Amino acid sequence: MVFFPTLITAAAPAFSTFQIASLAFSGLSFLSQSYGAYQQAQAQQEQAAYQAAVARNNAITAGRTATAIAERGKILEDEHRRKIKQTKGSAKTVQAAKGFLVDDTEDSTNVGLLADIAEIGELDILKIRDNVELERRQALIQGSNYQTQAGLFDAKAGSISPLMSGTSTLLAGAADTLKTAKTVGLFS
């Protein structure tokens, strides 16, 4: 039989090895649970920090995508302007081959046809520009959303305290073990 002279008074009943072992294992159990809670909270904190870093990287990528979309839009506009010039040149060639005056007066059919080609081409360029701006804006909004998400994950990571989680589990386990010890009469 094991005695704890500071805990057991002379009037205390004798305790079985099983009762003492049970309390000891209970103490080991809450220590293990406390460490598990600490590790779990630490893993949650690290996961939130990782998710924040991923969201920040996604925001950077979205910003670069927006820039690339704008650059691609300028290239598309330039290409379409070249096509317009080629189409106008081809139209002039066909008109000249048929014997029409290509640089005739403002009210001539040939000059009107070239003006129509230019006008329709510029409308196409405006559509290209509008579509590109819409895509660019969507990428910027997505980047902003990722940045907001990163802030939320940072806040989540900051709100998790592995030490507090482990300590609270330790204190709750210690209180339960002491309550059990008192119930079985270990303390008088």
Protein backbone atom coordinates (compact mmCIF):
# COMPACT_ATOMS: atom_id res chain seq x y z
CA MET A 1 0.00 0.00 0.00
CA VAL A 2 1.28 3.45 -0.92
CA PHE A 3 0.90 6.30 1.57
CA PHE A 4 0.99 10.02 0.93
CA PRO A 5 1.69 11.42 4.42
CA THR A 6 0.92 15.01 3.41
CA LEU A 7 -2.37 14.05 1.81
CA ILE A 8 -3.68 11.32 4.06
CA THR A 9 -4.45 11.94 7.70
CA ALA A 10 -4.25 9.28 10.36
CA ALA A 11 -8.04 9.00 10.38
CA ALA A 12 -8.25 8.47 6.62
CA PRO A 13 -9.28 5.05 5.40
CA ALA A 14 -6.76 2.85 3.63
CA PHE A 15 -6.72 3.24 -0.15
CA SER A 16 -6.30 0.43 -2.57
CA THR A 17 -3.53 0.37 -5.10
CA PHE A 18 -6.24 0.42 -7.75
CA GLN A 19 -7.69 3.73 -6.49
CA ILE A 20 -4.28 5.39 -6.38
CA ALA A 21 -3.31 3.98 -9.78
CA SER A 22 -6.63 5.16 -11.16
CA LEU A 23 -5.97 8.71 -9.96
CA ALA A 24 -2.41 8.59 -11.32
CA PHE A 25 -3.62 7.44 -14.71
CA SER A 26 -6.29 10.10 -14.61
CA GLY A 27 -3.56 12.69 -14.04
CA LEU A 28 -1.48 11.28 -16.90
CA SER A 29 -4.56 11.28 -19.09
CA PHE A 30 -5.30 14.97 -18.59
CA LEU A 31 -1.64 15.81 -19.15
CA SER A 32 -1.80 13.92 -22.44
CA GLN A 33 -5.09 15.63 -23.35
CA SER A 34 -3.58 18.99 -22.53
CA TYR A 35 -0.62 18.37 -24.81
CA GLY A 36 -2.99 17.11 -27.53
CA ALA A 37 -5.09 20.27 -27.24
CA TYR A 38 -1.92 22.37 -27.49
CA GLN A 39 -0.81 20.52 -30.62
CA GLN A 40 -4.25 20.72 -32.20
CA ALA A 41 -4.50 24.47 -31.60
CA GLN A 42 -0.98 24.93 -32.95
CA ALA A 43 -1.89 22.96 -36.10
CA GLN A 44 -5.04 25.08 -36.56
CA GLN A 45 -2.99 28.25 -36.14
CA GLU A 46 -0.40 27.07 -38.67
CA GLN A 47 -3.13 26.04 -41.11
CA ALA A 48 -4.79 29.46 -40.89
CA ALA A 49 -1.43 31.17 -41.41
CA TYR A 50 -0.76 28.93 -44.43
CA GLN A 51 -4.20 29.70 -45.88
CA ALA A 52 -3.52 33.43 -45.42
CA ALA A 53 -0.23 33.08 -47.29
CA VAL A 54 -1.95 31.19 -50.12
CA ALA A 55 -4.65 33.87 -50.35
CA ARG A 56 -1.98 36.61 -50.49
CA ASN A 57 -0.20 34.73 -53.28
CA ASN A 58 -3.51 34.39 -55.11
CA ALA A 59 -4.05 38.14 -54.76
CA ILE A 60 -0.63 38.80 -56.29
CA THR A 61 -1.41 36.40 -59.13
CA ALA A 62 -4.78 38.07 -59.74
CA GLY A 63 -3.06 41.47 -59.95
CA ARG A 64 -0.57 40.11 -62.46
CA THR A 65 -3.41 38.55 -64.41
CA ALA A 66 -5.17 41.92 -64.57
CA THR A 67 -1.99 43.53 -65.92
CA ALA A 68 -1.55 40.75 -68.49
CA ILE A 69 -5.18 41.12 -69.60
CA ALA A 70 -4.70 44.87 -70.14
CA GLU A 71 -1.52 44.25 -72.15
CA ARG A 72 -3.24 41.56 -74.20
CA GLY A 73 -6.10 43.99 -74.87
CA LYS A 74 -3.71 46.56 -76.31
CA ILE A 75 -2.20 43.89 -78.56
CA LEU A 76 -5.67 42.81 -79.73
CA GLU A 77 -6.59 46.42 -80.52
CA ASP A 78 -3.38 46.93 -82.49
CA GLU A 79 -3.93 43.68 -84.41
CA HIS A 80 -7.49 44.68 -85.25
CA ARG A 81 -6.35 48.11 -86.45
CA ARG A 82 -3.87 46.38 -88.78
CA LYS A 83 -6.71 44.21 -90.09
CA ILE A 84 -8.80 47.32 -90.69
CA LYS A 85 -5.96 48.91 -92.66
CA GLN A 86 -5.50 45.69 -94.65
CA THR A 87 -9.22 45.51 -95.38
CA LYS A 88 -9.29 49.16 -96.49
CA GLY A 89 -6.19 48.55 -98.65
CA SER A 90 -7.79 45.47 -100.22
CA ALA A 91 -11.00 47.41 -100.87
CA LYS A 92 -9.03 50.24 -102.53
CA THR A 93 -7.17 47.72 -104.68
CA VAL A 94 -10.39 46.04 -105.80
CA GLN A 95 -12.00 49.42 -106.51
CA ALA A 96 -8.95 50.64 -108.45
CA ALA A 97 -8.85 47.37 -110.44
CA LYS A 98 -12.47 47.97 -111.43
CA GLY A 99 -11.59 51.46 -112.62
CA PHE A 100 -13.08 53.50 -109.77
CA LEU A 101 -11.39 56.57 -108.37
CA VAL A 102 -10.27 55.57 -104.90
CA ASP A 103 -9.49 59.05 -103.59
CA ASP A 104 -12.60 60.65 -104.97
CA THR A 105 -14.74 63.28 -103.27
CA GLU A 106 -16.23 62.83 -99.79
CA ASP A 107 -19.64 61.86 -101.13
CA SER A 108 -18.46 59.13 -103.49
CA THR A 109 -19.44 55.49 -102.96
CA ASN A 110 -15.83 54.36 -102.75
CA VAL A 111 -14.90 56.85 -100.04
CA GLY A 112 -18.13 55.98 -98.19
CA LEU A 113 -17.26 52.27 -98.34
CA LEU A 114 -13.82 52.92 -96.87
CA ALA A 115 -15.39 55.09 -94.15
CA ASP A 116 -17.86 52.29 -93.33
CA ILE A 117 -15.00 49.78 -93.06
CA ALA A 118 -13.16 52.14 -90.71
CA GLU A 119 -16.29 52.79 -88.61
CA ILE A 120 -17.20 49.12 -88.23
CA GLY A 121 -13.58 48.35 -87.37
CA GLU A 122 -13.53 51.01 -84.65
CA LEU A 123 -16.78 49.62 -83.21
CA ASP A 124 -15.09 46.21 -83.05
CA ILE A 125 -12.13 47.81 -81.26
CA LEU A 126 -14.49 49.37 -78.72
CA LYS A 127 -16.06 45.93 -78.11
CA ILE A 128 -12.59 44.44 -77.66
CA ARG A 129 -11.66 47.22 -75.23
CA ASP A 130 -14.90 46.78 -73.27
CA ASN A 131 -14.43 42.99 -72.99
CA VAL A 132 -10.81 43.38 -71.93
CA GLU A 133 -11.73 45.98 -69.30
CA LEU A 134 -14.44 43.68 -67.94
CA GLU A 135 -11.96 40.78 -67.64
CA ARG A 136 -9.35 43.06 -66.06
CA ARG A 137 -11.88 44.38 -63.54
CA GLN A 138 -12.95 40.83 -62.64
CA ALA A 139 -9.31 39.88 -62.00
CA LEU A 140 -8.83 42.95 -59.79
CA ILE A 141 -11.99 42.16 -57.83
CA GLN A 142 -10.82 38.57 -57.40
CA GLY A 143 -7.48 39.88 -56.13
CA SER A 144 -9.26 42.11 -53.66
CA ASN A 145 -11.34 39.15 -52.48
CA TYR A 146 -8.19 37.10 -51.98
CA GLN A 147 -6.61 39.94 -49.99
CA THR A 148 -9.69 40.12 -47.77
CA GLN A 149 -9.60 36.36 -47.34
CA ALA A 150 -5.93 36.59 -46.31
CA GLY A 151 -6.86 39.16 -43.66
CA LEU A 152 -9.56 36.86 -42.29
CA PHE A 153 -7.16 33.93 -42.10
CA ASP A 154 -4.57 36.15 -40.39
CA ALA A 155 -7.20 37.15 -37.83
CA LYS A 156 -8.15 33.51 -37.32
CA ALA A 157 -4.50 32.53 -36.82
CA GLY A 158 -4.07 35.39 -34.35
CA SER A 159 -7.11 34.35 -32.35
CA ILE A 160 -5.88 30.79 -31.79
CA SER A 161 -3.70 30.36 -28.72
CA PRO A 162 -2.12 26.92 -28.41
CA LEU A 163 -0.82 27.76 -24.93
CA MET A 164 -4.25 28.86 -23.73
CA SER A 165 -5.88 25.77 -25.21
CA GLY A 166 -3.37 23.46 -23.54
CA THR A 167 -3.53 25.31 -20.25
CA SER A 168 -7.33 25.31 -20.08
CA THR A 169 -7.42 21.58 -20.81
CA LEU A 170 -4.74 21.01 -18.15
CA LEU A 171 -6.67 23.00 -15.54
CA ALA A 172 -9.97 21.30 -16.35
CA GLY A 173 -8.32 17.88 -16.09
CA ALA A 174 -6.61 18.77 -12.82
CA ALA A 175 -9.91 19.96 -11.38
CA ASP A 176 -11.64 16.74 -12.40
CA THR A 177 -8.85 14.62 -10.91
CA LEU A 178 -8.92 16.55 -7.62
CA LYS A 179 -12.69 16.22 -7.52
CA THR A 180 -12.39 12.46 -8.00
CA ALA A 181 -9.68 12.26 -5.34
CA LYS A 182 -11.90 14.10 -2.89
CA THR A 183 -14.88 11.92 -3.78
CA VAL A 184 -12.96 8.73 -2.97
CA GLY A 185 -11.76 10.30 0.26
CA LEU A 186 -8.12 10.96 -0.57
CA PHE A 187 -8.43 14.41 0.94
CA SER A 188 -10.21 14.92 4.19
